[in-house]
Protein backbone atom coordinates (compact mmCIF):
# COMPACT_ATOMS: atom_id res chain seq x y z
CA UNK A 1 0.10 0.01 -0.53
CA UNK A 2 1.83 3.24 -0.88
CA UNK A 3 0.73 6.13 1.52
CA UNK A 4 1.33 9.85 0.17
CA UNK A 5 3.36 11.89 2.85
CA UNK A 6 6.58 12.99 3.81
CA UNK A 7 9.98 10.35 3.99
CA UNK A 8 13.42 11.18 2.88
CA UNK A 9 15.55 8.29 2.83
CA UNK A 10 16.95 8.51 -0.81
CA UNK A 11 17.07 10.84 -4.17
CA UNK A 12 15.62 8.58 -6.75
CA UNK A 13 13.50 8.84 -9.89
CA UNK A 14 11.20 5.95 -9.24
CA UNK A 15 7.84 6.05 -7.64
CA UNK A 16 8.68 2.74 -6.08
CA UNK A 17 11.35 3.73 -3.63
CA UNK A 18 11.12 6.04 -0.86
CA UNK A 19 12.32 9.81 -1.08
CA UNK A 20 12.64 12.59 -3.23
CA UNK A 21 11.67 11.85 -6.95
CA UNK A 22 12.72 14.52 -9.42
CA UNK A 23 9.74 15.42 -11.69
CA UNK A 24 11.18 18.18 -13.48
CA UNK A 25 14.08 20.66 -14.30
CA UNK A 26 13.46 23.93 -16.02
CA UNK A 27 16.52 25.99 -16.97
CA UNK A 28 15.99 29.36 -18.26
CA UNK A 29 18.01 32.24 -19.37
CA UNK A 30 17.58 35.94 -19.29
CA UNK A 31 14.04 35.96 -18.77
CA UNK A 32 11.96 38.21 -16.09
CA UNK A 33 9.45 35.33 -15.92
CA UNK A 34 9.40 31.42 -15.87
CA UNK A 35 6.43 29.34 -15.81
CA UNK A 36 6.76 25.44 -14.75
CA UNK A 37 3.70 23.72 -15.52
CA UNK A 38 2.06 20.43 -14.70
CA UNK A 39 4.14 19.25 -11.91
CA UNK A 40 1.89 19.18 -9.26
CA UNK A 41 -0.65 16.08 -9.71
CA UNK A 42 -2.79 13.77 -7.63
CA UNK A 43 0.12 11.58 -7.20
CA UNK A 44 1.97 13.28 -4.34
CA UNK A 45 0.93 15.73 -1.64
CA UNK A 46 4.21 17.42 -0.81
CA UNK A 47 7.12 18.78 -3.08
CA UNK A 48 10.45 20.49 -3.16
CA UNK A 49 11.41 23.40 -5.41
CA UNK A 50 15.32 24.43 -5.64
CA UNK A 51 16.08 27.34 -7.26
CA UNK A 52 19.59 28.20 -8.76
CA UNK A 53 20.47 31.32 -10.28
CA UNK A 54 21.75 34.47 -11.05
CA UNK A 55 20.59 37.75 -11.95
CA UNK A 56 21.42 40.83 -14.26
CA UNK A 57 21.17 43.55 -11.67
CA UNK A 58 21.33 44.00 -7.87
CA UNK A 59 19.69 42.00 -5.28
CA UNK A 60 16.19 41.40 -6.81
CA UNK A 61 13.52 39.06 -5.19
CA UNK A 62 12.05 35.77 -6.87
CA UNK A 63 8.75 35.81 -6.19
CA UNK A 64 6.05 32.45 -7.05
CA UNK A 65 2.81 32.51 -8.08
CA UNK A 66 0.67 29.30 -8.55
CA UNK A 67 -0.48 28.44 -11.56
CA UNK A 68 -3.76 26.24 -12.61
CA UNK A 69 -2.86 25.24 -16.96
CA UNK A 70 -0.77 28.40 -17.30
CA UNK A 71 -3.18 31.06 -15.71
CA UNK A 72 -1.32 32.45 -12.69
CA UNK A 73 -3.23 33.32 -9.19
CA UNK A 74 -2.75 37.22 -8.98
CA UNK A 75 -5.36 37.72 -6.42
CA UNK A 76 -4.49 39.06 -2.78
CA UNK A 77 -4.51 35.84 -1.34
CA UNK A 78 -1.25 35.37 -0.39
CA UNK A 79 0.12 35.22 3.14
CA UNK A 80 3.61 35.19 4.80
CA UNK A 81 4.69 35.30 8.06
CA UNK A 82 9.38 35.77 7.82
CA UNK A 83 12.27 36.37 9.45
CA UNK A 84 14.93 37.96 7.79
CA UNK A 85 18.71 37.78 9.38
CA UNK A 86 22.12 39.95 8.34
CA UNK A 87 24.86 40.73 10.55
CA UNK A 88 23.53 40.62 13.73
CA UNK A 89 20.26 42.19 12.72
CA UNK A 90 16.82 40.26 12.24
CA UNK A 91 13.53 41.73 11.02
CA UNK A 92 10.61 39.78 11.24
CA UNK A 93 7.25 40.14 9.55
CA UNK A 94 4.16 39.06 8.80
CA UNK A 95 2.42 40.16 5.18
CA UNK A 96 -1.10 39.20 4.19
CA UNK A 97 -3.05 40.14 1.19
CA UNK A 98 -0.19 39.68 -1.13
CA UNK A 99 -0.69 38.44 -4.71
CA UNK A 100 2.48 36.30 -4.47
CA UNK A 101 5.43 34.55 -1.99
CA UNK A 102 8.99 35.50 -2.25
CA UNK A 103 10.75 32.21 -3.15
CA UNK A 104 14.59 33.26 -3.40
CA UNK A 105 16.77 36.52 -4.24
CA UNK A 106 19.17 36.88 -7.05
CA UNK A 107 22.20 39.39 -7.68
CA UNK A 108 24.54 39.83 -10.80
CA UNK A 109 27.48 38.76 -8.88
CA UNK A 110 27.25 35.22 -7.95
CA UNK A 111 24.63 32.27 -8.30
CA UNK A 112 21.82 32.18 -5.54
CA UNK A 113 20.34 29.38 -3.88
CA UNK A 114 16.95 29.03 -2.67
CA UNK A 115 14.94 25.65 -1.78
CA UNK A 116 11.06 25.45 -0.72
CA UNK A 117 8.37 22.99 0.77
CA UNK A 118 5.06 23.11 -0.67
CA UNK A 119 2.42 20.82 0.89
CA UNK A 120 -1.08 20.31 -0.93
CA UNK A 121 -0.44 21.94 -4.13
CA UNK A 122 -2.96 20.22 -6.21
CA UNK A 123 -5.35 19.23 -3.35
CA UNK A 124 -8.34 21.37 -3.01
CA UNK A 125 -7.06 22.70 0.27
CA UNK A 126 -4.64 25.66 1.60
CA UNK A 127 -1.73 25.22 -0.12
CA UNK A 128 1.31 25.60 2.57
CA UNK A 129 4.86 26.48 1.29
CA UNK A 130 7.90 27.07 3.53
CA UNK A 131 11.89 28.69 1.99
CA UNK A 132 14.99 28.84 3.02
CA UNK A 133 16.93 31.07 1.04
CA UNK A 134 20.72 32.45 1.79
CA UNK A 135 22.01 35.50 -0.78
CA UNK A 136 25.44 37.26 -0.52
CA UNK A 137 26.15 40.31 -2.07
CA UNK A 138 28.50 43.21 -0.96
CA UNK A 139 30.05 41.09 1.89
CA UNK A 140 27.07 40.59 3.62
CA UNK A 141 24.77 37.25 4.04
CA UNK A 142 21.13 37.24 4.03
CA UNK A 143 19.46 34.14 5.63
CA UNK A 144 15.52 34.24 5.25
CA UNK A 145 13.04 31.82 6.67
CA UNK A 146 9.51 32.06 5.20
CA UNK A 147 6.48 30.40 6.34
CA UNK A 148 3.57 30.91 3.27
CA UNK A 149 -0.29 29.66 2.96
CA UNK A 150 -2.82 31.01 0.61
CA UNK A 151 -6.44 32.07 1.83
CA UNK A 152 -8.57 29.65 -1.15
CA UNK A 153 -8.66 25.97 -1.80
CA UNK A 154 -7.76 26.54 -5.20
CA UNK A 155 -5.73 22.85 -6.88
CA UNK A 156 -3.17 23.69 -8.86
CA UNK A 157 -0.98 22.00 -11.18
CA UNK A 158 2.31 24.70 -11.50
CA UNK A 159 3.94 27.44 -10.43
CA UNK A 160 5.17 30.71 -12.18
CA UNK A 161 8.72 32.45 -11.04
CA UNK A 162 8.72 36.49 -11.45
CA UNK A 163 11.74 38.41 -10.62
CA UNK A 164 11.43 42.24 -9.76
CA UNK A 165 13.43 43.94 -12.05
CA UNK A 166 15.86 42.67 -14.92
CA UNK A 167 16.22 39.31 -15.94
CA UNK A 168 17.60 35.85 -14.50
CA UNK A 169 19.52 32.96 -15.61
CA UNK A 170 19.66 29.44 -13.97
CA UNK A 171 17.46 26.66 -13.49
CA UNK A 172 14.46 25.22 -10.60
CA UNK A 173 13.93 21.79 -10.03
CA UNK A 174 10.86 20.24 -8.92
CA UNK A 175 10.65 16.81 -6.41
CA UNK A 176 8.30 14.93 -4.93
CA UNK A 177 8.19 13.26 -1.46
CA UNK A 178 7.64 9.92 -2.28
CA UNK A 179 6.61 7.30 0.78
C-alpha cells in the first residue's frame, strides 16, 4: 500500500522507492518570468522546489505565483510570516493580502540558492509553503525563512517565477516527496 506524505531516505527517479523523486528540471536564460507547468498531481501531496539562479542587476526578489494550467493566481490571497537575518540584525514580519510569495533572491555578482517545501498544491485545500534562502552581496550574508499559506482552496498544477527587475538565468528543480 502506498501512502502519500513525507519520508526522505534517498534521491531517486522511481515511484517505487521512498525519498525525493525528481519530477522536472527547467532551465532559463535572460528571463523576467518563467512558468513551470504540469508538475503537481494527485500522485503526491508534498514537493521540494530548488532554485539556482543569477540576476542581471542588484539584489532582486524572485517571487512565486501558483498556476492552474498557464493561468497564474494573481489575487491578494497569499500570506507569509517571515524572518530576515543579516549581520547581527533580525527583521521579523507578517504580510497578508499579497499577490505572490518570495521564493528567494538573485544578484548579479554570484549564483544564489533557495529551496522551498510546498504542501498540498494539487489538493482542494489551502496550499502551504515554507522556504529558506541565503544570498550574498557586498560581503553580507542574508538568511531568510518564510512560512506561507494561501487563503483559497484551489487546485494548482504548477507555478510561475517572477523577478522584480532585470532578468535571471539559472534552473529550478521540482521534486516530490514519495513514501
